[in-house]
Structure formats: structure tokens, C-alpha cells
């Protein structure tokens, strides 16, 4: 069986043209009005099928590492690229996030006490200082106590900061190279922040570790710690704390954290972990009892009112 799968991977790799490898793989469809509580960004495959960005977009990005064979797929875990779902574009203030408690998990703006949430401009920063988003198919389990931070997970996909130069769009899916991790303790919960760079960024080839970031982007890591420490202060909250005294962990450590949260996600969609209010509905995870049909996914979106605007990102 392993030999058959390897042969299939090699065959598909040879048949895939360079143009097809680099083309957009997902589209988005907006519903409702931006900067309003009804605004949602739904995700679709290139075939026009609605999908969940939380559960249906693969964690691993390259075709050589994810080979779908009918309903079975082979994961070759190596020094690889990961998919990142961009929630918040750099320099913007609206707190956009994957709606983990809604069917098909669209991106929406977070609401607190009936009001849309925006992060303040904490001097000298303007909005989010990176493209901010999440790794799909990961989950920080709130019932799991991290052995390093001694705190439980925050019940969300793992967060990513893309330090590349491009300003992305909310809903864009990019391939990122992982460089390190920062362990934020947010109101007593572990909230890992993965530091990564867009694989298509001009500097991506030069940046291969957290030490490279220190050398080639001086001040960037310090600004990141400062931002996460103080971004809630304008809302009347105290400064955030960090595990490891706010020191960044290296790439290997970060990849291990990602692998662990991926296993927690697999348990979640297999109904082997307590899901709480998390919606695990998906269209492609074959071992999941939450898998739904294309028709069911379409009916979910049709119930959402608002303007339909479909985008395809190159």
C-alpha cells in the first residue's frame, strides 16, 4: 500500500504543470455588509463547492505532501510549507476571525457586548503589524494543559503572524514558512503565536530561522512582543504575560507545537474530544462524523442574507 501511494504521489507530481501548482486554490464569497455584524466571508473550492476554512483547507501546503486519493490521503511530514488563512490584513484594525461556532466557519468580525471589535493603535504601532491569521486543521484544546506553559489551550486554531512585505486580504490563503513561535498567556490560556513568512515573499529564501529574523529584520521581534503585551491595555485590561519570559522558540519547537495542535484537531473532528460550541461541519474529512454533503453546505450559505461577491486570489 505504501509503495502504491508513493507511486501515485510521484505520478501526480509529474503530471502537475508549474502553472497549475501556482494557481489560486480557493475563492471567497462575501455576505452582508463590511463593518457590520452580519458580514461573513465564506470559502469555496475552485470547483465552486462551499468548504470550511477551519476543517477543509489542508494544514500542509505543497502538493507533494498532500495527495488526495479518493477519500484517503497521505501526509508526508517534513521540512515543509503550511497553509495560512489570512484573517486580518497588515495595518488594519478590525478584529476579523474564523467563526469557529458557526456552520462552515466563515470569517467574521468579532463582536463583544453587541459592538464590533477593533484593536487600538498602540504607539508606535498602526493596527496589526503583520498579516494575521490561523493555520487550518489545528486546534488549541481547552482541556489540554500544555507541558511548557502549564496553561490550557484557548479553543481556537493556532495563530500565525506573517512577517512578509505583502499586505494580504482577509480570506486569502497563502503558503508560509515557519520560523519560530511565541507563547502568549492570554487571560490564563495558552495562545501560541507562530512566526512565519509568506513563501512567495522576496525575503523568504533568506529567512530560515528566528535568528535570521533578528539579523535581517532588526527590531521586528521586539515590536511583536511589545504589540502582544500591550494591545489590550486601551480596553482597560492589564498587560499580557508570556511563557519563557517572552523569548521566541525556534523553528523545530514551533513545528512540534503545530503537530500537536493538528492531532488535537483530528480528535475534535473525529468526535474523540469535547467540542463544546465548536462547529465541526466539513465537506472533506472522511473519518469525521460531521462531514456533510455539497447540497447541505450550499443550503447553509443560502440562508445567509446579503450581497454575493466572489473573489479568486492569485
C-alpha atoms as a PDB file:
ATOM      1  CA  UNK A   1       0.000   0.000   0.000  1.00  0.00           C
ATOM      2  CA  UNK A   2       2.789   2.452   0.885  1.00  0.00           C
ATOM      3  CA  UNK A   3       4.534   1.704  -2.419  1.00  0.00           C
ATOM      4  CA  UNK A   4       1.277   2.332  -4.279  1.00  0.00           C
ATOM      5  CA  UNK A   5       0.763   5.659  -2.519  1.00  0.00           C
ATOM      6  CA  UNK A   6       4.347   6.769  -3.218  1.00  0.00           C
ATOM      7  CA  UNK A   7       3.909   5.867  -6.889  1.00  0.00           C
ATOM      8  CA  UNK A   8       0.668   7.840  -7.019  1.00  0.00           C
ATOM      9  CA  UNK A   9       2.333  10.869  -5.440  1.00  0.00           C
ATOM     10  CA  UNK A  10       5.176  10.739  -7.967  1.00  0.00           C
ATOM     11  CA  UNK A  11       2.739  10.316 -10.859  1.00  0.00           C
ATOM     12  CA  UNK A  12       0.628  13.291  -9.814  1.00  0.00           C
ATOM     13  CA  UNK A  13       3.741  15.397  -9.231  1.00  0.00           C
ATOM     14  CA  UNK A  14       4.990  14.692 -12.763  1.00  0.00           C
ATOM     15  CA  UNK A  15       1.599  15.420 -14.297  1.00  0.00           C
ATOM     16  CA  UNK A  16       1.076  18.701 -12.442  1.00  0.00           C
ATOM     17  CA  UNK A  17       2.239  21.622 -14.556  1.00  0.00           C
ATOM     18  CA  UNK A  18       4.090  24.557 -12.923  1.00  0.00           C
ATOM     19  CA  UNK A  19       1.180  26.850 -13.833  1.00  0.00           C
ATOM     20  CA  UNK A  20      -1.332  24.609 -12.079  1.00  0.00           C
ATOM     21  CA  UNK A  21       0.838  24.383  -8.951  1.00  0.00           C
ATOM     22  CA  UNK A  22       0.862  28.167  -8.507  1.00  0.00           C
ATOM     23  CA  UNK A  23      -2.741  28.989  -9.371  1.00  0.00           C
ATOM     24  CA  UNK A  24      -5.292  30.047  -6.748  1.00  0.00           C
ATOM     25  CA  UNK A  25      -6.859  27.123  -4.946  1.00  0.00           C
ATOM     26  CA  UNK A  26      -9.715  28.858  -3.113  1.00  0.00           C
ATOM     27  CA  UNK A  27     -12.313  31.529  -3.654  1.00  0.00           C
ATOM     28  CA  UNK A  28     -14.225  33.624  -1.179  1.00  0.00           C
ATOM     29  CA  UNK A  29     -17.818  34.798  -1.178  1.00  0.00           C
ATOM     30  CA  UNK A  30     -18.880  37.777   0.899  1.00  0.00           C
ATOM     31  CA  UNK A  31     -22.282  38.010   2.530  1.00  0.00           C
ATOM     32  CA  UNK A  32     -23.686  41.023   4.334  1.00  0.00           C
ATOM     33  CA  UNK A  33     -22.036  44.420   4.677  1.00  0.00           C
ATOM     34  CA  UNK A  34     -18.399  45.045   5.675  1.00  0.00           C
ATOM     35  CA  UNK A  35     -18.024  46.672   9.104  1.00  0.00           C
ATOM     36  CA  UNK A  36     -21.377  45.243  10.154  1.00  0.00           C
ATOM     37  CA  UNK A  37     -22.376  42.380  12.427  1.00  0.00           C
ATOM     38  CA  UNK A  38     -23.920  40.432   9.522  1.00  0.00           C
ATOM     39  CA  UNK A  39     -20.741  40.431   7.405  1.00  0.00           C
ATOM     40  CA  UNK A  40     -19.321  36.985   6.566  1.00  0.00           C
ATOM     41  CA  UNK A  41     -16.632  35.671   4.219  1.00  0.00           C
ATOM     42  CA  UNK A  42     -17.406  32.119   3.075  1.00  0.00           C
ATOM     43  CA  UNK A  43     -14.891  29.874   1.345  1.00  0.00           C
ATOM     44  CA  UNK A  44     -15.265  27.834  -1.830  1.00  0.00           C
ATOM     45  CA  UNK A  45     -13.068  25.437  -3.750  1.00  0.00           C
ATOM     46  CA  UNK A  46     -12.186  26.185  -7.365  1.00  0.00           C
ATOM     47  CA  UNK A  47     -14.953  23.743  -8.286  1.00  0.00           C
ATOM     48  CA  UNK A  48     -17.446  26.069  -6.608  1.00  0.00           C
ATOM     49  CA  UNK A  49     -18.117  23.887  -3.570  1.00  0.00           C
ATOM     50  CA  UNK A  50     -18.505  25.543  -0.194  1.00  0.00           C
ATOM     51  CA  UNK A  51     -15.900  24.483   2.355  1.00  0.00           C
ATOM     52  CA  UNK A  52     -14.825  25.258   5.907  1.00  0.00           C
ATOM     53  CA  UNK A  53     -11.505  27.161   6.174  1.00  0.00           C
ATOM     54  CA  UNK A  54     -11.086  25.606   9.622  1.00  0.00           C
ATOM     55  CA  UNK A  55     -11.585  21.965   8.649  1.00  0.00           C
ATOM     56  CA  UNK A  56     -11.338  21.542   4.845  1.00  0.00           C
ATOM     57  CA  UNK A  57      -8.230  23.521   3.894  1.00  0.00           C
ATOM     58  CA  UNK A  58      -5.215  21.219   4.462  1.00  0.00           C
ATOM     59  CA  UNK A  59      -2.617  22.162   7.041  1.00  0.00           C
ATOM     60  CA  UNK A  60       0.233  21.128   4.747  1.00  0.00           C
ATOM     61  CA  UNK A  61       0.526  23.236   1.601  1.00  0.00           C
ATOM     62  CA  UNK A  62       2.619  21.524  -1.073  1.00  0.00           C
ATOM     63  CA  UNK A  63       1.114  19.009  -3.473  1.00  0.00           C
ATOM     64  CA  UNK A  64       3.982  16.601  -2.881  1.00  0.00           C
ATOM     65  CA  UNK A  65       2.988  16.345   0.783  1.00  0.00           C
ATOM     66  CA  UNK A  66      -0.782  16.141   0.455  1.00  0.00           C
ATOM     67  CA  UNK A  67      -2.027  13.667  -2.125  1.00  0.00           C
ATOM     68  CA  UNK A  68      -5.758  13.007  -2.205  1.00  0.00           C
ATOM     69  CA  UNK A  69      -6.641   9.534  -3.460  1.00  0.00           C
ATOM     70  CA  UNK A  70     -10.399   9.396  -3.444  1.00  0.00           C
ATOM     71  CA  UNK A  71     -11.305   9.709   0.215  1.00  0.00           C
ATOM     72  CA  UNK A  72      -7.873   8.732   1.528  1.00  0.00           C
ATOM     73  CA  UNK A  73      -4.833  10.958   1.699  1.00  0.00           C
ATOM     74  CA  UNK A  74      -1.168  10.541   2.507  1.00  0.00           C
ATOM     75  CA  UNK A  75       0.669  13.032   4.690  1.00  0.00           C
ATOM     76  CA  UNK A  76       4.418  13.222   4.283  1.00  0.00           C
ATOM     77  CA  UNK A  77       5.578  15.384   7.194  1.00  0.00           C
ATOM     78  CA  UNK A  78       8.889  17.056   6.543  1.00  0.00           C
ATOM     79  CA  UNK A  79      10.505  20.477   6.474  1.00  0.00           C
ATOM     80  CA  UNK A  80       7.546  21.886   4.619  1.00  0.00           C
ATOM     81  CA  UNK A  81       5.229  24.779   3.950  1.00  0.00           C
ATOM     82  CA  UNK A  82       1.928  25.307   5.701  1.00  0.00           C
ATOM     83  CA  UNK A  83      -1.322  26.896   4.580  1.00  0.00           C
ATOM     84  CA  UNK A  84      -2.280  30.083   6.382  1.00  0.00           C
ATOM     85  CA  UNK A  85      -5.784  31.573   6.290  1.00  0.00           C
ATOM     86  CA  UNK A  86      -5.371  35.351   6.487  1.00  0.00           C
ATOM     87  CA  UNK A  87      -7.966  36.857   8.804  1.00  0.00           C
ATOM     88  CA  UNK A  88      -6.589  40.372   9.358  1.00  0.00           C
ATOM     89  CA  UNK A  89      -4.557  42.274   6.747  1.00  0.00           C
ATOM     90  CA  UNK A  90      -1.490  44.131   7.959  1.00  0.00           C
ATOM     91  CA  UNK A  91      -2.072  47.718   9.182  1.00  0.00           C
ATOM     92  CA  UNK A  92      -5.839  47.179   9.591  1.00  0.00           C
ATOM     93  CA  UNK A  93      -7.750  47.349  12.896  1.00  0.00           C
ATOM     94  CA  UNK A  94     -10.931  45.259  12.512  1.00  0.00           C
ATOM     95  CA  UNK A  95     -10.644  42.070  14.561  1.00  0.00           C
ATOM     96  CA  UNK A  96     -11.590  39.531  11.887  1.00  0.00           C
ATOM     97  CA  UNK A  97     -11.534  35.834  12.761  1.00  0.00           C
ATOM     98  CA  UNK A  98     -12.670  32.383  11.699  1.00  0.00           C
ATOM     99  CA  UNK A  99     -16.097  31.865  13.264  1.00  0.00           C
ATOM    100  CA  UNK A 100     -15.469  28.514  14.950  1.00  0.00           C
ATOM    101  CA  UNK A 101     -19.004  28.445  16.396  1.00  0.00           C
ATOM    102  CA  UNK A 102     -20.829  28.929  13.079  1.00  0.00           C
ATOM    103  CA  UNK A 103     -21.586  26.398  10.348  1.00  0.00           C
ATOM    104  CA  UNK A 104     -18.821  26.244   7.696  1.00  0.00           C
ATOM    105  CA  UNK A 105     -16.767  28.616   9.884  1.00  0.00           C
ATOM    106  CA  UNK A 106     -16.789  31.793   7.750  1.00  0.00           C
ATOM    107  CA  UNK A 107     -14.594  34.748   8.642  1.00  0.00           C
ATOM    108  CA  UNK A 108     -16.461  37.447  10.561  1.00  0.00           C
ATOM    109  CA  UNK A 109     -15.659  40.479  12.673  1.00  0.00           C
ATOM    110  CA  UNK A 110     -15.573  39.690  16.376  1.00  0.00           C
ATOM    111  CA  UNK A 111     -18.348  41.202  18.481  1.00  0.00           C
ATOM    112  CA  UNK A 112     -18.243  41.938  22.201  1.00  0.00           C
ATOM    113  CA  UNK A 113     -21.249  43.240  24.132  1.00  0.00           C
ATOM    114  CA  UNK A 114     -23.027  43.875  20.841  1.00  0.00           C
ATOM    115  CA  UNK A 115     -20.246  46.028  19.392  1.00  0.00           C
ATOM    116  CA  UNK A 116     -17.801  45.244  16.610  1.00  0.00           C
ATOM    117  CA  UNK A 117     -14.254  44.861  17.897  1.00  0.00           C
ATOM    118  CA  UNK A 118     -11.265  46.853  16.654  1.00  0.00           C
ATOM    119  CA  UNK A 119      -7.727  46.817  18.040  1.00  0.00           C
ATOM    120  CA  UNK A 120      -6.429  50.201  19.084  1.00  0.00           C
ATOM    121  CA  UNK A 121      -3.379  51.872  17.610  1.00  0.00           C
ATOM    122  CA  UNK A 122      -0.866  51.399  20.430  1.00  0.00           C
ATOM    123  CA  UNK A 123       2.002  53.813  19.819  1.00  0.00           C
ATOM    124  CA  UNK A 124       4.088  53.446  17.723  1.00  0.00           C
ATOM    125  CA  UNK A 125       2.103  50.674  16.010  1.00  0.00           C
ATOM    126  CA  UNK A 126      -0.720  51.012  13.444  1.00  0.00           C
ATOM    127  CA  UNK A 127      -3.301  48.241  13.713  1.00  0.00           C
ATOM    128  CA  UNK A 128      -1.944  44.716  13.281  1.00  0.00           C
ATOM    129  CA  UNK A 129       1.727  44.897  12.353  1.00  0.00           C
ATOM    130  CA  UNK A 130       1.707  41.665  10.295  1.00  0.00           C
ATOM    131  CA  UNK A 131      -0.775  39.756   8.216  1.00  0.00           C
ATOM    132  CA  UNK A 132      -2.537  37.866  10.990  1.00  0.00           C
ATOM    133  CA  UNK A 133      -4.408  34.608  10.633  1.00  0.00           C
ATOM    134  CA  UNK A 134      -4.621  30.937  11.501  1.00  0.00           C
ATOM    135  CA  UNK A 135      -3.336  27.535  10.470  1.00  0.00           C
ATOM    136  CA  UNK A 136      -6.246  25.366   9.300  1.00  0.00           C
ATOM    137  CA  UNK A 137      -6.765  21.911  10.795  1.00  0.00           C
ATOM    138  CA  UNK A 138      -5.214  22.921  14.132  1.00  0.00           C
ATOM    139  CA  UNK A 139      -6.925  23.403  17.499  1.00  0.00           C
ATOM    140  CA  UNK A 140      -5.656  24.555  20.878  1.00  0.00           C
ATOM    141  CA  UNK A 141      -7.621  22.149  23.080  1.00  0.00           C
ATOM    142  CA  UNK A 142      -9.020  23.903  26.189  1.00  0.00           C
ATOM    143  CA  UNK A 143      -8.989  20.588  28.075  1.00  0.00           C
ATOM    144  CA  UNK A 144      -5.272  20.039  27.414  1.00  0.00           C
ATOM    145  CA  UNK A 145      -2.704  21.574  29.745  1.00  0.00           C
ATOM    146  CA  UNK A 146       0.448  22.481  27.850  1.00  0.00           C
ATOM    147  CA  UNK A 147       3.506  20.898  29.481  1.00  0.00           C
ATOM    148  CA  UNK A 148       5.605  24.021  28.829  1.00  0.00           C
ATOM    149  CA  UNK A 149       3.190  26.867  29.594  1.00  0.00           C
ATOM    150  CA  UNK A 150       1.206  24.990  32.295  1.00  0.00           C
ATOM    151  CA  UNK A 151      -1.970  26.549  30.817  1.00  0.00           C
ATOM    152  CA  UNK A 152      -4.831  25.127  28.752  1.00  0.00           C
ATOM    153  CA  UNK A 153      -5.485  25.965  25.108  1.00  0.00           C
ATOM    154  CA  UNK A 154      -7.670  28.889  24.025  1.00  0.00           C
ATOM    155  CA  UNK A 155     -10.170  26.798  21.982  1.00  0.00           C
ATOM    156  CA  UNK A 156      -9.117  28.285  18.617  1.00  0.00           C
ATOM    157  CA  UNK A 157      -6.976  27.346  15.624  1.00  0.00           C
ATOM    158  CA  UNK A 158      -3.329  28.255  16.183  1.00  0.00           C
ATOM    159  CA  UNK A 159      -2.487  31.869  15.289  1.00  0.00           C
ATOM    160  CA  UNK A 160       0.100  32.948  12.695  1.00  0.00           C
ATOM    161  CA  UNK A 161       1.929  36.224  12.101  1.00  0.00           C
ATOM    162  CA  UNK A 162       3.162  36.576   8.505  1.00  0.00           C
ATOM    163  CA  UNK A 163       6.121  38.975   8.605  1.00  0.00           C
ATOM    164  CA  UNK A 164       6.409  39.251   4.823  1.00  0.00           C
ATOM    165  CA  UNK A 165       6.245  42.564   2.981  1.00  0.00           C
ATOM    166  CA  UNK A 166       2.984  41.942   1.075  1.00  0.00           C
ATOM    167  CA  UNK A 167      -0.293  43.233   2.514  1.00  0.00           C
ATOM    168  CA  UNK A 168      -2.767  40.392   2.091  1.00  0.00           C
ATOM    169  CA  UNK A 169      -6.567  40.367   2.045  1.00  0.00           C
ATOM    170  CA  UNK A 170      -8.959  38.875   4.556  1.00  0.00           C
ATOM    171  CA  UNK A 171      -9.802  35.373   3.327  1.00  0.00           C
ATOM    172  CA  UNK A 172      -6.622  34.934   1.311  1.00  0.00           C
ATOM    173  CA  UNK A 173      -4.896  31.555   1.688  1.00  0.00           C
ATOM    174  CA  UNK A 174      -1.099  31.756   1.463  1.00  0.00           C
ATOM    175  CA  UNK A 175       1.743  29.265   1.859  1.00  0.00           C
ATOM    176  CA  UNK A 176       4.043  30.138   4.750  1.00  0.00           C
ATOM    177  CA  UNK A 177       7.438  29.046   6.012  1.00  0.00           C
ATOM    178  CA  UNK A 178       7.505  28.625   9.793  1.00  0.00           C
ATOM    179  CA  UNK A 179      10.371  30.387  11.601  1.00  0.00           C
ATOM    180  CA  UNK A 180       9.547  30.213  15.314  1.00  0.00           C
ATOM    181  CA  UNK A 181       6.907  30.674  17.996  1.00  0.00           C
ATOM    182  CA  UNK A 182       5.948  32.972  20.866  1.00  0.00           C
ATOM    183  CA  UNK A 183       3.930  31.672  23.832  1.00  0.00           C
ATOM    184  CA  UNK A 184       1.380  34.300  24.838  1.00  0.00           C
ATOM    185  CA  UNK A 185      -0.603  33.722  28.034  1.00  0.00           C
ATOM    186  CA  UNK A 186      -3.923  35.438  27.382  1.00  0.00           C
ATOM    187  CA  UNK A 187      -6.186  35.619  30.441  1.00  0.00           C
ATOM    188  CA  UNK A 188      -4.745  32.356  31.753  1.00  0.00           C
ATOM    189  CA  UNK A 189      -4.901  30.457  28.450  1.00  0.00           C
ATOM    190  CA  UNK A 190      -2.106  29.324  26.132  1.00  0.00           C
ATOM    191  CA  UNK A 191      -2.283  31.293  22.891  1.00  0.00           C
ATOM    192  CA  UNK A 192       0.627  30.298  20.649  1.00  0.00           C
ATOM    193  CA  UNK A 193       1.738  32.795  18.017  1.00  0.00           C
ATOM    194  CA  UNK A 194       3.583  31.189  15.118  1.00  0.00           C
ATOM    195  CA  UNK A 195       6.077  33.481  13.382  1.00  0.00           C
ATOM    196  CA  UNK A 196       6.187  32.759   9.650  1.00  0.00           C
ATOM    197  CA  UNK A 197       6.814  34.354   6.284  1.00  0.00           C
ATOM    198  CA  UNK A 198       4.870  34.123   3.050  1.00  0.00           C
ATOM    199  CA  UNK A 199       6.722  31.619   0.864  1.00  0.00           C
ATOM    200  CA  UNK A 200       6.312  33.986  -2.116  1.00  0.00           C
ATOM    201  CA  UNK A 201       7.910  36.931  -0.304  1.00  0.00           C
ATOM    202  CA  UNK A 202      11.197  38.192  -1.820  1.00  0.00           C
ATOM    203  CA  UNK A 203      12.955  37.634   1.526  1.00  0.00           C
ATOM    204  CA  UNK A 204      11.569  34.135   2.128  1.00  0.00           C
ATOM    205  CA  UNK A 205      14.703  32.412   0.820  1.00  0.00           C
ATOM    206  CA  UNK A 206      16.890  34.370   3.249  1.00  0.00           C
ATOM    207  CA  UNK A 207      14.771  33.724   6.336  1.00  0.00           C
ATOM    208  CA  UNK A 208      15.000  30.169   7.657  1.00  0.00           C
ATOM    209  CA  UNK A 209      15.082  30.632  11.435  1.00  0.00           C
ATOM    210  CA  UNK A 210      14.168  33.025  14.213  1.00  0.00           C
ATOM    211  CA  UNK A 211      17.821  34.088  14.353  1.00  0.00           C
ATOM    212  CA  UNK A 212      17.635  35.095  10.693  1.00  0.00           C
ATOM    213  CA  UNK A 213      14.715  37.382  11.581  1.00  0.00           C
ATOM    214  CA  UNK A 214      16.832  39.048  14.268  1.00  0.00           C
ATOM    215  CA  UNK A 215      19.660  39.626  11.799  1.00  0.00           C
ATOM    216  CA  UNK A 216      17.708  40.682   8.712  1.00  0.00           C
ATOM    217  CA  UNK A 217      14.707  42.395  10.328  1.00  0.00           C
ATOM    218  CA  UNK A 218      16.154  44.108  13.398  1.00  0.00           C
ATOM    219  CA  UNK A 219      13.509  45.247  15.870  1.00  0.00           C
ATOM    220  CA  UNK A 220      10.737  43.170  14.332  1.00  0.00           C
ATOM    221  CA  UNK A 221      10.614  40.515  17.051  1.00  0.00           C
ATOM    222  CA  UNK A 222      10.828  43.126  19.793  1.00  0.00           C
ATOM    223  CA  UNK A 223       7.912  45.006  18.207  1.00  0.00           C
ATOM    224  CA  UNK A 224       5.922  41.771  18.105  1.00  0.00           C
ATOM    225  CA  UNK A 225       6.386  41.153  21.828  1.00  0.00           C
ATOM    226  CA  UNK A 226       5.526  44.790  22.595  1.00  0.00           C
ATOM    227  CA  UNK A 227       2.360  44.617  20.482  1.00  0.00           C
ATOM    228  CA  UNK A 228       1.015  41.451  22.081  1.00  0.00           C
ATOM    229  CA  UNK A 229       1.929  42.709  25.526  1.00  0.00           C
ATOM    230  CA  UNK A 230       0.051  45.998  25.268  1.00  0.00           C
ATOM    231  CA  UNK A 231      -2.698  45.689  22.639  1.00  0.00           C
ATOM    232  CA  UNK A 232      -5.471  45.156  25.219  1.00  0.00           C
ATOM    233  CA  UNK A 233      -4.374  47.976  27.539  1.00  0.00           C
ATOM    234  CA  UNK A 234      -6.517  50.651  25.763  1.00  0.00           C
ATOM    235  CA  UNK A 235      -9.548  48.452  26.575  1.00  0.00           C
ATOM    236  CA  UNK A 236      -8.799  48.742  30.265  1.00  0.00           C
ATOM    237  CA  UNK A 237      -7.130  45.343  30.611  1.00  0.00           C
ATOM    238  CA  UNK A 238      -3.705  44.619  32.109  1.00  0.00           C
ATOM    239  CA  UNK A 239      -0.662  43.801  30.012  1.00  0.00           C
ATOM    240  CA  UNK A 240      -0.440  40.221  28.747  1.00  0.00           C
ATOM    241  CA  UNK A 241       2.103  37.732  30.039  1.00  0.00           C
ATOM    242  CA  UNK A 242       4.299  35.266  28.181  1.00  0.00           C
ATOM    243  CA  UNK A 243       5.772  31.870  28.858  1.00  0.00           C
ATOM    244  CA  UNK A 244       9.564  31.517  28.543  1.00  0.00           C
ATOM    245  CA  UNK A 245       9.920  35.154  29.697  1.00  0.00           C
ATOM    246  CA  UNK A 246       8.776  36.351  26.297  1.00  0.00           C
ATOM    247  CA  UNK A 247      11.592  34.577  24.457  1.00  0.00           C
ATOM    248  CA  UNK A 248      10.917  33.172  20.995  1.00  0.00           C
ATOM    249  CA  UNK A 249      11.229  29.422  20.491  1.00  0.00           C
ATOM    250  CA  UNK A 250      12.960  28.073  17.398  1.00  0.00           C
ATOM    251  CA  UNK A 251      11.522  26.551  14.232  1.00  0.00           C
ATOM    252  CA  UNK A 252      11.693  22.923  15.381  1.00  0.00           C
ATOM    253  CA  UNK A 253       9.829  23.788  18.571  1.00  0.00           C
ATOM    254  CA  UNK A 254       7.186  25.681  16.576  1.00  0.00           C
ATOM    255  CA  UNK A 255       6.647  22.771  14.173  1.00  0.00           C
ATOM    256  CA  UNK A 256       6.200  20.430  17.142  1.00  0.00           C
ATOM    257  CA  UNK A 257       3.543  22.765  18.573  1.00  0.00           C
ATOM    258  CA  UNK A 258       1.772  22.772  15.202  1.00  0.00           C
ATOM    259  CA  UNK A 259       1.923  18.963  15.003  1.00  0.00           C
ATOM    260  CA  UNK A 260       0.410  18.659  18.483  1.00  0.00           C
ATOM    261  CA  UNK A 261      -2.450  21.054  17.717  1.00  0.00           C
ATOM    262  CA  UNK A 262      -3.083  19.194  14.455  1.00  0.00           C
ATOM    263  CA  UNK A 263      -3.515  15.956  16.415  1.00  0.00           C
ATOM    264  CA  UNK A 264      -5.902  17.733  18.771  1.00  0.00           C
ATOM    265  CA  UNK A 265      -7.891  18.902  15.735  1.00  0.00           C
ATOM    266  CA  UNK A 266      -8.054  15.352  14.364  1.00  0.00           C
ATOM    267  CA  UNK A 267      -9.506  14.181  17.668  1.00  0.00           C
ATOM    268  CA  UNK A 268     -12.010  17.050  17.523  1.00  0.00           C
ATOM    269  CA  UNK A 269     -13.396  16.249  14.061  1.00  0.00           C
ATOM    270  CA  UNK A 270     -13.437  12.524  14.839  1.00  0.00           C
ATOM    271  CA  UNK A 271     -15.612  13.252  17.883  1.00  0.00           C
ATOM    272  CA  UNK A 272     -12.885  11.939  20.183  1.00  0.00           C
ATOM    273  CA  UNK A 273     -12.644  15.243  22.088  1.00  0.00           C
ATOM    274  CA  UNK A 274     -15.226  17.506  23.673  1.00  0.00           C
ATOM    275  CA  UNK A 275     -16.244  20.011  21.030  1.00  0.00           C
ATOM    276  CA  UNK A 276     -18.293  22.329  23.243  1.00  0.00           C
ATOM    277  CA  UNK A 277     -19.691  25.063  20.988  1.00  0.00           C
ATOM    278  CA  UNK A 278     -17.205  24.409  18.168  1.00  0.00           C
ATOM    279  CA  UNK A 279     -18.922  23.580  14.854  1.00  0.00           C
ATOM    280  CA  UNK A 280     -17.063  20.730  13.141  1.00  0.00           C
ATOM    281  CA  UNK A 281     -19.154  20.575   9.983  1.00  0.00           C
ATOM    282  CA  UNK A 282     -16.935  19.893   6.961  1.00  0.00           C
ATOM    283  CA  UNK A 283     -17.126  18.591   3.408  1.00  0.00           C
ATOM    284  CA  UNK A 284     -13.907  16.580   3.016  1.00  0.00           C
ATOM    285  CA  UNK A 285     -12.685  14.960   6.250  1.00  0.00           C
ATOM    286  CA  UNK A 286     -13.629  11.373   5.568  1.00  0.00           C
ATOM    287  CA  UNK A 287     -13.093   9.962   9.049  1.00  0.00           C
ATOM    288  CA  UNK A 288     -15.294  12.687  10.532  1.00  0.00           C
ATOM    289  CA  UNK A 289     -18.926  12.018  11.535  1.00  0.00           C
ATOM    290  CA  UNK A 290     -19.520  15.752  10.959  1.00  0.00           C
ATOM    291  CA  UNK A 291     -18.922  15.518   7.199  1.00  0.00           C
ATOM    292  CA  UNK A 292     -21.805  16.985   5.192  1.00  0.00           C
ATOM    293  CA  UNK A 293     -22.810  16.884   1.543  1.00  0.00           C
ATOM    294  CA  UNK A 294     -22.264  19.598  -1.055  1.00  0.00           C
ATOM    295  CA  UNK A 295     -26.019  20.250  -1.050  1.00  0.00           C
ATOM    296  CA  UNK A 296     -26.112  20.676   2.718  1.00  0.00           C
ATOM    297  CA  UNK A 297     -23.190  23.116   2.604  1.00  0.00           C
ATOM    298  CA  UNK A 298     -24.889  25.159  -0.121  1.00  0.00           C
ATOM    299  CA  UNK A 299     -28.142  25.334   1.831  1.00  0.00           C
ATOM    300  CA  UNK A 300     -26.282  26.756   4.833  1.00  0.00           C
ATOM    301  CA  UNK A 301     -24.962  29.710   2.842  1.00  0.00           C
ATOM    302  CA  UNK A 302     -28.277  30.309   1.077  1.00  0.00           C
ATOM    303  CA  UNK A 303     -29.845  31.008   4.450  1.00  0.00           C
ATOM    304  CA  UNK A 304     -27.435  33.903   4.952  1.00  0.00           C
ATOM    305  CA  UNK A 305     -28.772  37.154   3.524  1.00  0.00           C
ATOM    306  CA  UNK A 306     -26.680  39.799   1.834  1.00  0.00           C
ATOM    307  CA  UNK A 307     -24.656  40.587  -1.257  1.00  0.00           C
ATOM    308  CA  UNK A 308     -22.812  37.768  -3.047  1.00  0.00           C
ATOM    309  CA  UNK A 309     -19.296  38.816  -4.170  1.00  0.00           C
ATOM    310  CA  UNK A 310     -16.948  36.009  -5.210  1.00  0.00           C
ATOM    311  CA  UNK A 311     -13.170  36.555  -5.311  1.00  0.00           C
ATOM    312  CA  UNK A 312     -10.293  34.418  -6.528  1.00  0.00           C
ATOM    313  CA  UNK A 313      -6.838  35.299  -5.189  1.00  0.00           C
ATOM    314  CA  UNK A 314      -3.762  34.626  -7.351  1.00  0.00           C
END
